[in-house]
Amino acid sequence: MTKILLAEDDDSLRSFLTAALKRAGHDVQSFEDGDGALTALEREVFDLLLTDIQMPGIDGIELARRGAELDPAMKIVFITGFAAVALSNKANTPAGAKILSKPFHLRELVDEVERVMAA
């Protein structure tokens, strides 16, 4: 079982993703913004950070950078409609971070989590 921190500001998408990941056997904590997610990262160890890029407060890229500083072993996947932003050299995303572009099928998300955690 993978311990996942999910940061997504869209309430319905966050609920949907949380339920799907839990059905796939993962332990998921979800947050509506980067600030709440960062607090959780400072208090607990997670195997995987799944984060949107555009969120209120701390955005997903900054959340990922800070998360990688706190735990370099934590895997990171951006779930975003703004893949070009995450891929930009100026974005300074953590090394090894993966991107899953919205829209995606739930099976794609579950498969990506399994691939990332197996690597």
PDB file of N, CA and C in Angstrom:
ATOM      1  N   MET A   1       0.846  -1.176   0.000  1.00  0.00           N
ATOM      2  CA  MET A   1       0.000   0.000   0.000  1.00  0.00           C
ATOM      3  C   MET A   1       0.891   1.240   0.000  1.00  0.00           C
ATOM      4  N   THR A   2       0.593   2.151  -0.903  1.00  0.00           N
ATOM      5  CA  THR A   2       1.343   3.389  -1.037  1.00  0.00           C
ATOM      6  C   THR A   2       0.653   4.479  -0.234  1.00  0.00           C
ATOM      7  N   LYS A   3       1.430   5.232   0.519  1.00  0.00           N
ATOM      8  CA  LYS A   3       0.884   6.367   1.269  1.00  0.00           C
ATOM      9  C   LYS A   3       1.005   7.599   0.373  1.00  0.00           C
ATOM     10  N   ILE A   4      -0.160   8.136  -0.025  1.00  0.00           N
ATOM     11  CA  ILE A   4      -0.223   9.210  -1.011  1.00  0.00           C
ATOM     12  C   ILE A   4      -0.774  10.484  -0.406  1.00  0.00           C
ATOM     13  N   LEU A   5      -0.128  11.603  -0.721  1.00  0.00           N
ATOM     14  CA  LEU A   5      -0.673  12.923  -0.413  1.00  0.00           C
ATOM     15  C   LEU A   5      -1.168  13.496  -1.734  1.00  0.00           C
ATOM     16  N   LEU A   6      -2.461  13.817  -1.778  1.00  0.00           N
ATOM     17  CA  LEU A   6      -3.088  14.375  -2.969  1.00  0.00           C
ATOM     18  C   LEU A   6      -3.434  15.833  -2.708  1.00  0.00           C
ATOM     19  N   ALA A   7      -2.935  16.738  -3.548  1.00  0.00           N
ATOM     20  CA  ALA A   7      -3.257  18.166  -3.453  1.00  0.00           C
ATOM     21  C   ALA A   7      -3.962  18.582  -4.745  1.00  0.00           C
ATOM     22  N   GLU A   8      -5.248  18.887  -4.634  1.00  0.00           N
ATOM     23  CA  GLU A   8      -6.079  19.247  -5.792  1.00  0.00           C
ATOM     24  C   GLU A   8      -7.160  20.203  -5.311  1.00  0.00           C
ATOM     25  N   ASP A   9      -7.251  21.380  -5.939  1.00  0.00           N
ATOM     26  CA  ASP A   9      -8.197  22.390  -5.464  1.00  0.00           C
ATOM     27  C   ASP A   9      -9.628  22.196  -5.951  1.00  0.00           C
ATOM     28  N   ASP A  10      -9.845  21.373  -6.953  1.00  0.00           N
ATOM     29  CA  ASP A  10     -11.207  21.108  -7.434  1.00  0.00           C
ATOM     30  C   ASP A  10     -11.837  20.034  -6.532  1.00  0.00           C
ATOM     31  N   ASP A  11     -12.875  20.443  -5.777  1.00  0.00           N
ATOM     32  CA  ASP A  11     -13.474  19.547  -4.781  1.00  0.00           C
ATOM     33  C   ASP A  11     -13.954  18.222  -5.357  1.00  0.00           C
ATOM     34  N   SER A  12     -14.689  18.285  -6.459  1.00  0.00           N
ATOM     35  CA  SER A  12     -15.244  17.049  -7.009  1.00  0.00           C
ATOM     36  C   SER A  12     -14.139  16.141  -7.567  1.00  0.00           C
ATOM     37  N   LEU A  13     -13.160  16.713  -8.247  1.00  0.00           N
ATOM     38  CA  LEU A  13     -12.053  15.915  -8.768  1.00  0.00           C
ATOM     39  C   LEU A  13     -11.246  15.305  -7.627  1.00  0.00           C
ATOM     40  N   ARG A  14     -10.986  16.086  -6.590  1.00  0.00           N
ATOM     41  CA  ARG A  14     -10.230  15.591  -5.439  1.00  0.00           C
ATOM     42  C   ARG A  14     -10.951  14.397  -4.799  1.00  0.00           C
ATOM     43  N   SER A  15     -12.257  14.512  -4.604  1.00  0.00           N
ATOM     44  CA  SER A  15     -13.037  13.420  -4.011  1.00  0.00           C
ATOM     45  C   SER A  15     -13.013  12.183  -4.900  1.00  0.00           C
ATOM     46  N   PHE A  16     -13.177  12.388  -6.187  1.00  0.00           N
ATOM     47  CA  PHE A  16     -13.186  11.310  -7.164  1.00  0.00           C
ATOM     48  C   PHE A  16     -11.840  10.579  -7.179  1.00  0.00           C
ATOM     49  N   LEU A  17     -10.746  11.333  -7.231  1.00  0.00           N
ATOM     50  CA  LEU A  17      -9.406  10.741  -7.260  1.00  0.00           C
ATOM     51  C   LEU A  17      -9.087  10.015  -5.958  1.00  0.00           C
ATOM     52  N   THR A  18      -9.472  10.620  -4.844  1.00  0.00           N
ATOM     53  CA  THR A  18      -9.233   9.996  -3.538  1.00  0.00           C
ATOM     54  C   THR A  18      -9.937   8.650  -3.461  1.00  0.00           C
ATOM     55  N   ALA A  19     -11.203   8.626  -3.862  1.00  0.00           N
ATOM     56  CA  ALA A  19     -11.971   7.377  -3.820  1.00  0.00           C
ATOM     57  C   ALA A  19     -11.356   6.315  -4.730  1.00  0.00           C
ATOM     58  N   ALA A  20     -10.951   6.701  -5.926  1.00  0.00           N
ATOM     59  CA  ALA A  20     -10.367   5.745  -6.872  1.00  0.00           C
ATOM     60  C   ALA A  20      -9.054   5.175  -6.348  1.00  0.00           C
ATOM     61  N   LEU A  21      -8.215   6.031  -5.778  1.00  0.00           N
ATOM     62  CA  LEU A  21      -6.930   5.563  -5.252  1.00  0.00           C
ATOM     63  C   LEU A  21      -7.118   4.667  -4.035  1.00  0.00           C
ATOM     64  N   LYS A  22      -8.092   4.991  -3.209  1.00  0.00           N
ATOM     65  CA  LYS A  22      -8.374   4.138  -2.055  1.00  0.00           C
ATOM     66  C   LYS A  22      -8.906   2.783  -2.506  1.00  0.00           C
ATOM     67  N   ARG A  23      -9.769   2.775  -3.523  1.00  0.00           N
ATOM     68  CA  ARG A  23     -10.276   1.502  -4.069  1.00  0.00           C
ATOM     69  C   ARG A  23      -9.136   0.653  -4.633  1.00  0.00           C
ATOM     70  N   ALA A  24      -8.092   1.320  -5.119  1.00  0.00           N
ATOM     71  CA  ALA A  24      -6.934   0.603  -5.658  1.00  0.00           C
ATOM     72  C   ALA A  24      -5.991   0.126  -4.548  1.00  0.00           C
ATOM     73  N   GLY A  25      -6.358   0.394  -3.282  1.00  0.00           N
ATOM     74  CA  GLY A  25      -5.590  -0.130  -2.151  1.00  0.00           C
ATOM     75  C   GLY A  25      -4.587   0.820  -1.539  1.00  0.00           C
ATOM     76  N   HIS A  26      -4.643   2.104  -1.886  1.00  0.00           N
ATOM     77  CA  HIS A  26      -3.682   3.063  -1.368  1.00  0.00           C
ATOM     78  C   HIS A  26      -4.241   3.830  -0.170  1.00  0.00           C
ATOM     79  N   ASP A  27      -3.345   4.303   0.662  1.00  0.00           N
ATOM     80  CA  ASP A  27      -3.679   5.164   1.798  1.00  0.00           C
ATOM     81  C   ASP A  27      -3.551   6.597   1.295  1.00  0.00           C
ATOM     82  N   VAL A  28      -4.646   7.346   1.267  1.00  0.00           N
ATOM     83  CA  VAL A  28      -4.658   8.672   0.656  1.00  0.00           C
ATOM     84  C   VAL A  28      -5.109   9.727   1.656  1.00  0.00           C
ATOM     85  N   GLN A  29      -4.336  10.804   1.728  1.00  0.00           N
ATOM     86  CA  GLN A  29      -4.754  12.007   2.437  1.00  0.00           C
ATOM     87  C   GLN A  29      -4.845  13.100   1.386  1.00  0.00           C
ATOM     88  N   SER A  30      -5.968  13.815   1.367  1.00  0.00           N
ATOM     89  CA  SER A  30      -6.137  14.826   0.332  1.00  0.00           C
ATOM     90  C   SER A  30      -6.330  16.209   0.932  1.00  0.00           C
ATOM     91  N   PHE A  31      -5.878  17.207   0.166  1.00  0.00           N
ATOM     92  CA  PHE A  31      -5.925  18.598   0.595  1.00  0.00           C
ATOM     93  C   PHE A  31      -6.366  19.470  -0.562  1.00  0.00           C
ATOM     94  N   GLU A  32      -7.058  20.561  -0.220  1.00  0.00           N
ATOM     95  CA  GLU A  32      -7.597  21.451  -1.243  1.00  0.00           C
ATOM     96  C   GLU A  32      -6.639  22.538  -1.674  1.00  0.00           C
ATOM     97  N   ASP A  33      -5.497  22.643  -1.003  1.00  0.00           N
ATOM     98  CA  ASP A  33      -4.527  23.674  -1.371  1.00  0.00           C
ATOM     99  C   ASP A  33      -3.123  23.259  -0.967  1.00  0.00           C
ATOM    100  N   GLY A  34      -2.160  23.989  -1.486  1.00  0.00           N
ATOM    101  CA  GLY A  34      -0.772  23.676  -1.206  1.00  0.00           C
ATOM    102  C   GLY A  34      -0.357  23.930   0.228  1.00  0.00           C
ATOM    103  N   ASP A  35      -0.991  24.898   0.872  1.00  0.00           N
ATOM    104  CA  ASP A  35      -0.631  25.213   2.260  1.00  0.00           C
ATOM    105  C   ASP A  35      -0.941  24.041   3.193  1.00  0.00           C
ATOM    106  N   GLY A  36      -2.142  23.501   3.080  1.00  0.00           N
ATOM    107  CA  GLY A  36      -2.516  22.351   3.906  1.00  0.00           C
ATOM    108  C   GLY A  36      -1.666  21.133   3.596  1.00  0.00           C
ATOM    109  N   ALA A  37      -1.385  20.936   2.324  1.00  0.00           N
ATOM    110  CA  ALA A  37      -0.554  19.800   1.911  1.00  0.00           C
ATOM    111  C   ALA A  37       0.867  19.927   2.460  1.00  0.00           C
ATOM    112  N   LEU A  38       1.420  21.132   2.427  1.00  0.00           N
ATOM    113  CA  LEU A  38       2.774  21.341   2.953  1.00  0.00           C
ATOM    114  C   LEU A  38       2.823  21.045   4.447  1.00  0.00           C
ATOM    115  N   THR A  39       1.820  21.473   5.177  1.00  0.00           N
ATOM    116  CA  THR A  39       1.769  21.183   6.616  1.00  0.00           C
ATOM    117  C   THR A  39       1.810  19.680   6.847  1.00  0.00           C
ATOM    118  N   ALA A  40       1.060  18.927   6.050  1.00  0.00           N
ATOM    119  CA  ALA A  40       1.064  17.464   6.180  1.00  0.00           C
ATOM    120  C   ALA A  40       2.442  16.887   5.854  1.00  0.00           C
ATOM    121  N   LEU A  41       3.086  17.412   4.807  1.00  0.00           N
ATOM    122  CA  LEU A  41       4.425  16.929   4.441  1.00  0.00           C
ATOM    123  C   LEU A  41       5.450  17.198   5.541  1.00  0.00           C
ATOM    124  N   GLU A  42       5.248  18.267   6.280  1.00  0.00           N
ATOM    125  CA  GLU A  42       6.165  18.604   7.375  1.00  0.00           C
ATOM    126  C   GLU A  42       5.961  17.700   8.584  1.00  0.00           C
ATOM    127  N   ARG A  43       4.796  17.085   8.682  1.00  0.00           N
ATOM    128  CA  ARG A  43       4.461  16.263   9.848  1.00  0.00           C
ATOM    129  C   ARG A  43       4.574  14.767   9.610  1.00  0.00           C
ATOM    130  N   GLU A  44       4.415  14.342   8.351  1.00  0.00           N
ATOM    131  CA  GLU A  44       4.368  12.915   8.045  1.00  0.00           C
ATOM    132  C   GLU A  44       5.228  12.597   6.829  1.00  0.00           C
ATOM    133  N   VAL A  45       5.539  11.317   6.696  1.00  0.00           N
ATOM    134  CA  VAL A  45       6.280  10.834   5.535  1.00  0.00           C
ATOM    135  C   VAL A  45       5.277  10.199   4.571  1.00  0.00           C
ATOM    136  N   PHE A  46       5.377  10.580   3.304  1.00  0.00           N
ATOM    137  CA  PHE A  46       4.525  10.028   2.251  1.00  0.00           C
ATOM    138  C   PHE A  46       5.413   9.372   1.202  1.00  0.00           C
ATOM    139  N   ASP A  47       4.874   8.349   0.561  1.00  0.00           N
ATOM    140  CA  ASP A  47       5.600   7.690  -0.521  1.00  0.00           C
ATOM    141  C   ASP A  47       5.495   8.489  -1.812  1.00  0.00           C
ATOM    142  N   LEU A  48       4.339   9.156  -1.996  1.00  0.00           N
ATOM    143  CA  LEU A  48       4.039   9.812  -3.257  1.00  0.00           C
ATOM    144  C   LEU A  48       3.258  11.096  -3.035  1.00  0.00           C
ATOM    145  N   LEU A  49       3.663  12.140  -3.742  1.00  0.00           N
ATOM    146  CA  LEU A  49       2.917  13.399  -3.786  1.00  0.00           C
ATOM    147  C   LEU A  49       2.280  13.506  -5.162  1.00  0.00           C
ATOM    148  N   LEU A  50       0.948  13.557  -5.195  1.00  0.00           N
ATOM    149  CA  LEU A  50       0.190  13.819  -6.422  1.00  0.00           C
ATOM    150  C   LEU A  50      -0.342  15.227  -6.278  1.00  0.00           C
ATOM    151  N   THR A  51       0.079  16.127  -7.137  1.00  0.00           N
ATOM    152  CA  THR A  51      -0.337  17.512  -6.968  1.00  0.00           C
ATOM    153  C   THR A  51      -0.708  18.188  -8.279  1.00  0.00           C
ATOM    154  N   ASP A  52      -1.763  18.979  -8.200  1.00  0.00           N
ATOM    155  CA  ASP A  52      -2.112  19.877  -9.290  1.00  0.00           C
ATOM    156  C   ASP A  52      -1.053  20.981  -9.287  1.00  0.00           C
ATOM    157  N   ILE A  53      -0.911  21.700 -10.375  1.00  0.00           N
ATOM    158  CA  ILE A  53       0.057  22.800 -10.409  1.00  0.00           C
ATOM    159  C   ILE A  53      -0.596  24.098  -9.948  1.00  0.00           C
ATOM    160  N   GLN A  54      -1.742  24.425 -10.506  1.00  0.00           N
ATOM    161  CA  GLN A  54      -2.397  25.695 -10.189  1.00  0.00           C
ATOM    162  C   GLN A  54      -3.364  25.495  -9.031  1.00  0.00           C
ATOM    163  N   MET A  55      -2.994  26.046  -7.863  1.00  0.00           N
ATOM    164  CA  MET A  55      -3.825  25.958  -6.662  1.00  0.00           C
ATOM    165  C   MET A  55      -3.685  27.254  -5.878  1.00  0.00           C
ATOM    166  N   PRO A  56      -4.678  27.514  -5.014  1.00  0.00           N
ATOM    167  CA  PRO A  56      -4.552  28.681  -4.129  1.00  0.00           C
ATOM    168  C   PRO A  56      -3.377  28.502  -3.155  1.00  0.00           C
ATOM    169  N   GLY A  57      -2.816  29.605  -2.713  1.00  0.00           N
ATOM    170  CA  GLY A  57      -1.687  29.528  -1.785  1.00  0.00           C
ATOM    171  C   GLY A  57      -0.456  29.035  -2.503  1.00  0.00           C
ATOM    172  N   ILE A  58       0.226  28.107  -1.888  1.00  0.00           N
ATOM    173  CA  ILE A  58       1.423  27.527  -2.493  1.00  0.00           C
ATOM    174  C   ILE A  58       0.997  26.697  -3.706  1.00  0.00           C
ATOM    175  N   ASP A  59       1.588  26.964  -4.870  1.00  0.00           N
ATOM    176  CA  ASP A  59       1.224  26.184  -6.059  1.00  0.00           C
ATOM    177  C   ASP A  59       1.911  24.817  -6.019  1.00  0.00           C
ATOM    178  N   GLY A  60       1.529  23.957  -6.938  1.00  0.00           N
ATOM    179  CA  GLY A  60       2.029  22.594  -6.941  1.00  0.00           C
ATOM    180  C   GLY A  60       3.523  22.460  -7.173  1.00  0.00           C
ATOM    181  N   ILE A  61       4.087  23.345  -7.970  1.00  0.00           N
ATOM    182  CA  ILE A  61       5.526  23.274  -8.224  1.00  0.00           C
ATOM    183  C   ILE A  61       6.310  23.620  -6.956  1.00  0.00           C
ATOM    184  N   GLU A  62       5.890  24.665  -6.278  1.00  0.00           N
ATOM    185  CA  GLU A  62       6.553  25.034  -5.015  1.00  0.00           C
ATOM    186  C   GLU A  62       6.346  23.952  -3.962  1.00  0.00           C
ATOM    187  N   LEU A  63       5.147  23.395  -3.910  1.00  0.00           N
ATOM    188  CA  LEU A  63       4.862  22.294  -2.979  1.00  0.00           C
ATOM    189  C   LEU A  63       5.792  21.120  -3.254  1.00  0.00           C
ATOM    190  N   ALA A  64       5.956  20.776  -4.516  1.00  0.00           N
ATOM    191  CA  ALA A  64       6.837  19.664  -4.888  1.00  0.00           C
ATOM    192  C   ALA A  64       8.286  19.958  -4.516  1.00  0.00           C
ATOM    193  N   ARG A  65       8.741  21.186  -4.767  1.00  0.00           N
ATOM    194  CA  ARG A  65      10.129  21.554  -4.405  1.00  0.00           C
ATOM    195  C   ARG A  65      10.347  21.411  -2.905  1.00  0.00           C
ATOM    196  N   ARG A  66       9.416  21.953  -2.142  1.00  0.00           N
ATOM    197  CA  ARG A  66       9.568  21.871  -0.682  1.00  0.00           C
ATOM    198  C   ARG A  66       9.450  20.437  -0.190  1.00  0.00           C
ATOM    199  N   GLY A  67       8.538  19.681  -0.793  1.00  0.00           N
ATOM    200  CA  GLY A  67       8.394  18.276  -0.420  1.00  0.00           C
ATOM    201  C   GLY A  67       9.656  17.482  -0.706  1.00  0.00           C
ATOM    202  N   ALA A  68      10.279  17.742  -1.848  1.00  0.00           N
ATOM    203  CA  ALA A  68      11.523  17.052  -2.212  1.00  0.00           C
ATOM    204  C   ALA A  68      12.658  17.417  -1.259  1.00  0.00           C
ATOM    205  N   GLU A  69      12.661  18.648  -0.767  1.00  0.00           N
ATOM    206  CA  GLU A  69      13.668  19.048   0.221  1.00  0.00           C
ATOM    207  C   GLU A  69      13.459  18.304   1.536  1.00  0.00           C
ATOM    208  N   LEU A  70      12.200  18.145   1.938  1.00  0.00           N
ATOM    209  CA  LEU A  70      11.887  17.458   3.187  1.00  0.00           C
ATOM    210  C   LEU A  70      12.163  15.961   3.094  1.00  0.00           C
ATOM    211  N   ASP A  71      11.880  15.374   1.934  1.00  0.00           N
ATOM    212  CA  ASP A  71      12.046  13.932   1.743  1.00  0.00           C
ATOM    213  C   ASP A  71      12.452  13.643   0.304  1.00  0.00           C
ATOM    214  N   PRO A  72      13.756  13.615   0.047  1.00  0.00           N
ATOM    215  CA  PRO A  72      14.232  13.379  -1.319  1.00  0.00           C
ATOM    216  C   PRO A  72      13.787  12.040  -1.914  1.00  0.00           C
ATOM    217  N   ALA A  73      13.395  11.077  -1.083  1.00  0.00           N
ATOM    218  CA  ALA A  73      12.974   9.762  -1.579  1.00  0.00           C
ATOM    219  C   ALA A  73      11.511   9.749  -2.032  1.00  0.00           C
ATOM    220  N   MET A  74      10.748  10.767  -1.666  1.00  0.00           N
ATOM    221  CA  MET A  74       9.336  10.813  -2.036  1.00  0.00           C
ATOM    222  C   MET A  74       9.194  10.999  -3.542  1.00  0.00           C
ATOM    223  N   LYS A  75       8.311  10.217  -4.142  1.00  0.00           N
ATOM    224  CA  LYS A  75       8.033  10.327  -5.575  1.00  0.00           C
ATOM    225  C   LYS A  75       7.034  11.465  -5.792  1.00  0.00           C
ATOM    226  N   ILE A  76       7.089  12.090  -6.967  1.00  0.00           N
ATOM    227  CA  ILE A  76       6.218  13.229  -7.266  1.00  0.00           C
ATOM    228  C   ILE A  76       5.601  13.058  -8.646  1.00  0.00           C
ATOM    229  N   VAL A  77       4.277  13.243  -8.707  1.00  0.00           N
ATOM    230  CA  VAL A  77       3.563  13.247  -9.979  1.00  0.00           C
ATOM    231  C   VAL A  77       2.669  14.484 -10.007  1.00  0.00           C
ATOM    232  N   PHE A  78       2.825  15.278 -11.058  1.00  0.00           N
ATOM    233  CA  PHE A  78       1.943  16.425 -11.278  1.00  0.00           C
ATOM    234  C   PHE A  78       0.733  15.949 -12.063  1.00  0.00           C
ATOM    235  N   ILE A  79      -0.459  16.281 -11.590  1.00  0.00           N
ATOM    236  CA  ILE A  79      -1.688  16.015 -12.333  1.00  0.00           C
ATOM    237  C   ILE A  79      -2.202  17.381 -12.755  1.00  0.00           C
ATOM    238  N   THR A  80      -2.085  17.683 -14.033  1.00  0.00           N
ATOM    239  CA  THR A  80      -2.316  19.060 -14.439  1.00  0.00           C
ATOM    240  C   THR A  80      -2.778  19.196 -15.875  1.00  0.00           C
ATOM    241  N   GLY A  81      -3.447  20.283 -16.130  1.00  0.00           N
ATOM    242  CA  GLY A  81      -3.782  20.675 -17.491  1.00  0.00           C
ATOM    243  C   GLY A  81      -2.727  21.614 -18.050  1.00  0.00           C
ATOM    244  N   PHE A  82      -1.686  21.881 -17.252  1.00  0.00           N
ATOM    245  CA  PHE A  82      -0.636  22.829 -17.626  1.00  0.00           C
ATOM    246  C   PHE A  82       0.717  22.139 -17.689  1.00  0.00           C
ATOM    247  N   ALA A  83       0.796  21.047 -18.434  1.00  0.00           N
ATOM    248  CA  ALA A  83       2.031  20.264 -18.505  1.00  0.00           C
ATOM    249  C   ALA A  83       3.206  21.088 -19.007  1.00  0.00           C
ATOM    250  N   ALA A  84       2.955  22.001 -19.924  1.00  0.00           N
ATOM    251  CA  ALA A  84       4.044  22.819 -20.465  1.00  0.00           C
ATOM    252  C   ALA A  84       4.698  23.655 -19.374  1.00  0.00           C
ATOM    253  N   VAL A  85       3.924  24.107 -18.404  1.00  0.00           N
ATOM    254  CA  VAL A  85       4.469  24.884 -17.290  1.00  0.00           C
ATOM    255  C   VAL A  85       5.413  24.008 -16.470  1.00  0.00           C
ATOM    256  N   ALA A  86       4.994  22.800 -16.163  1.00  0.00           N
ATOM    257  CA  ALA A  86       5.815  21.898 -15.360  1.00  0.00           C
ATOM    258  C   ALA A  86       7.078  21.479 -16.100  1.00  0.00           C
ATOM    259  N   LEU A  87       6.991  21.384 -17.416  1.00  0.00           N
ATOM    260  CA  LEU A  87       8.143  20.953 -18.203  1.00  0.00           C
ATOM    261  C   LEU A  87       9.127  22.076 -18.505  1.00  0.00           C
ATOM    262  N   SER A  88       8.727  23.301 -18.286  1.00  0.00           N
ATOM    263  CA  SER A  88       9.572  24.450 -18.568  1.00  0.00           C
ATOM    264  C   SER A  88      10.830  24.418 -17.710  1.00  0.00           C
ATOM    265  N   ASN A  89      11.954  24.790 -18.296  1.00  0.00           N
ATOM    266  CA  ASN A  89      13.208  24.871 -17.534  1.00  0.00           C
ATOM    267  C   ASN A  89      13.113  25.867 -16.396  1.00  0.00           C
ATOM    268  N   LYS A  90      12.294  26.894 -16.569  1.00  0.00           N
ATOM    269  CA  LYS A  90      12.140  27.920 -15.541  1.00  0.00           C
ATOM    270  C   LYS A  90      11.332  27.418 -14.353  1.00  0.00           C
ATOM    271  N   ALA A  91      10.582  26.341 -14.525  1.00  0.00           N
ATOM    272  CA  ALA A  91       9.727  25.831 -13.451  1.00  0.00           C
ATOM    273  C   ALA A  91      10.548  25.232 -12.318  1.00  0.00           C
ATOM    274  N   ASN A  92      11.739  24.727 -12.610  1.00  0.00           N
ATOM    275  CA  ASN A  92      12.616  24.158 -11.593  1.00  0.00           C
ATOM    276  C   ASN A  92      11.907  23.050 -10.802  1.00  0.00           C
ATOM    277  N   THR A  93      11.243  22.140 -11.517  1.00  0.00           N
ATOM    278  CA  THR A  93      10.569  21.027 -10.853  1.00  0.00           C
ATOM    279  C   THR A  93      11.601  20.030 -10.343  1.00  0.00           C
ATOM    280  N   PRO A  94      11.278  19.311  -9.277  1.00  0.00           N
ATOM    281  CA  PRO A  94      12.227  18.341  -8.731  1.00  0.00           C
ATOM    282  C   PRO A  94      12.599  17.276  -9.755  1.00  0.00           C
ATOM    283  N   ALA A  95      13.835  16.842  -9.699  1.00  0.00           N
ATOM    284  CA  ALA A  95      14.323  15.803 -10.615  1.00  0.00           C
ATOM    285  C   ALA A  95      13.487  14.542 -10.455  1.00  0.00           C
ATOM    286  N   GLY A  96      13.152  13.940 -11.567  1.00  0.00           N
ATOM    287  CA  GLY A  96      12.407  12.690 -11.533  1.00  0.00           C
ATOM    288  C   GLY A  96      10.901  12.833 -11.427  1.00  0.00           C
ATOM    289  N   ALA A  97      10.407  14.066 -11.285  1.00  0.00           N
ATOM    290  CA  ALA A  97       8.957  14.267 -11.191  1.00  0.00           C
ATOM    291  C   ALA A  97       8.303  13.874 -12.508  1.00  0.00           C
ATOM    292  N   LYS A  98       7.157  13.246 -12.420  1.00  0.00           N
ATOM    293  CA  LYS A  98       6.401  12.817 -13.592  1.00  0.00           C
ATOM    294  C   LYS A  98       5.190  13.721 -13.766  1.00  0.00           C
ATOM    295  N   ILE A  99       4.611  13.685 -14.963  1.00  0.00           N
ATOM    296  CA  ILE A  99       3.450  14.518 -15.266  1.00  0.00           C
ATOM    297  C   ILE A  99       2.366  13.654 -15.878  1.00  0.00           C
ATOM    298  N   LEU A 100       1.150  13.781 -15.345  1.00  0.00           N
ATOM    299  CA  LEU A 100      -0.026  13.144 -15.908  1.00  0.00           C
ATOM    300  C   LEU A 100      -0.954  14.278 -16.320  1.00  0.00           C
ATOM    301  N   SER A 101      -1.146  14.445 -17.620  1.00  0.00           N
ATOM    302  CA  SER A 101      -1.914  15.572 -18.145  1.00  0.00           C
ATOM    303  C   SER A 101      -3.418  15.323 -18.059  1.00  0.00           C
ATOM    304  N   LYS A 102      -4.126  16.345 -17.577  1.00  0.00           N
ATOM    305  CA  LYS A 102      -5.589  16.299 -17.565  1.00  0.00           C
ATOM    306  C   LYS A 102      -6.088  16.593 -18.962  1.00  0.00           C
ATOM    307  N   PRO A 103      -7.180  16.023 -19.376  1.00  0.00           N
ATOM    308  CA  PRO A 103      -7.953  15.004 -18.655  1.00  0.00           C
ATOM    309  C   PRO A 103      -7.303  13.631 -18.806  1.00  0.00           C
ATOM    310  N   PHE A 104      -7.516  12.788 -17.825  1.00  0.00           N
ATOM    311  CA  PHE A 104      -7.000  11.429 -17.874  1.00  0.00           C
ATOM    312  C   PHE A 104      -8.068  10.492 -17.319  1.00  0.00           C
ATOM    313  N   HIS A 105      -7.957   9.235 -17.672  1.00  0.00           N
ATOM    314  CA  HIS A 105      -8.866   8.208 -17.181  1.00  0.00           C
ATOM    315  C   HIS A 105      -8.337   7.725 -15.836  1.00  0.00           C
ATOM    316  N   LEU A 106      -9.220   7.325 -14.948  1.00  0.00           N
ATOM    317  CA  LEU A 106      -8.789   6.847 -13.633  1.00  0.00           C
ATOM    318  C   LEU A 106      -7.817   5.677 -13.738  1.00  0.00           C
ATOM    319  N   ARG A 107      -8.011   4.819 -14.720  1.00  0.00           N
ATOM    320  CA  ARG A 107      -7.102   3.688 -14.902  1.00  0.00           C
ATOM    321  C   ARG A 107      -5.687   4.193 -15.192  1.00  0.00           C
ATOM    322  N   GLU A 108      -5.582   5.291 -15.963  1.00  0.00           N
ATOM    323  CA  GLU A 108      -4.272   5.879 -16.249  1.00  0.00           C
ATOM    324  C   GLU A 108      -3.603   6.354 -14.967  1.00  0.00           C
ATOM    325  N   LEU A 109      -4.384   6.961 -14.074  1.00  0.00           N
ATOM    326  CA  LEU A 109      -3.833   7.439 -12.805  1.00  0.00           C
ATOM    327  C   LEU A 109      -3.317   6.273 -11.969  1.00  0.00           C
ATOM    328  N   VAL A 110      -4.136   5.257 -11.817  1.00  0.00           N
ATOM    329  CA  VAL A 110      -3.742   4.096 -11.016  1.00  0.00           C
ATOM    330  C   VAL A 110      -2.511   3.424 -11.624  1.00  0.00           C
ATOM    331  N   ASP A 111      -2.497   3.283 -12.949  1.00  0.00           N
ATOM    332  CA  ASP A 111      -1.328   2.687 -13.628  1.00  0.00           C
ATOM    333  C   ASP A 111      -0.073   3.538 -13.425  1.00  0.00           C
ATOM    334  N   GLU A 112      -0.214   4.865 -13.505  1.00  0.00           N
ATOM    335  CA  GLU A 112       0.940   5.748 -13.318  1.00  0.00           C
ATOM    336  C   GLU A 112       1.480   5.655 -11.896  1.00  0.00           C
ATOM    337  N   VAL A 113       0.592   5.588 -10.914  1.00  0.00           N
ATOM    338  CA  VAL A 113       1.027   5.426  -9.519  1.00  0.00           C
ATOM    339  C   VAL A 113       1.820   4.137  -9.391  1.00  0.00           C
ATOM    340  N   GLU A 114       1.326   3.061  -9.972  1.00  0.00           N
ATOM    341  CA  GLU A 114       2.039   1.771  -9.885  1.00  0.00           C
ATOM    342  C   GLU A 114       3.392   1.847 -10.578  1.00  0.00           C
ATOM    343  N   ARG A 115       3.463   2.487 -11.751  1.00  0.00           N
ATOM    344  CA  ARG A 115       4.742   2.617 -12.475  1.00  0.00           C
ATOM    345  C   ARG A 115       5.746   3.431 -11.669  1.00  0.00           C
ATOM    346  N   VAL A 116       5.297   4.549 -11.146  1.00  0.00           N
ATOM    347  CA  VAL A 116       6.194   5.441 -10.389  1.00  0.00           C
ATOM    348  C   VAL A 116       6.715   4.744  -9.138  1.00  0.00           C
ATOM    349  N   MET A 117       5.848   4.042  -8.458  1.00  0.00           N
ATOM    350  CA  MET A 117       6.279   3.401  -7.222  1.00  0.00           C
ATOM    351  C   MET A 117       7.169   2.179  -7.479  1.00  0.00           C
ATOM    352  N   ALA A 118       7.032   1.559  -8.645  1.00  0.00           N
ATOM    353  CA  ALA A 118       7.876   0.417  -8.991  1.00  0.00           C
ATOM    354  C   ALA A 118       9.272   0.834  -9.445  1.00  0.00           C
ATOM    355  N   ALA A 119       9.421   2.082  -9.868  1.00  0.00           N
ATOM    356  CA  ALA A 119      10.705   2.568 -10.388  1.00  0.00           C
ATOM    357  C   ALA A 119      11.733   2.729  -9.282  1.00  0.00           C
TER     358      ALA A 119
END
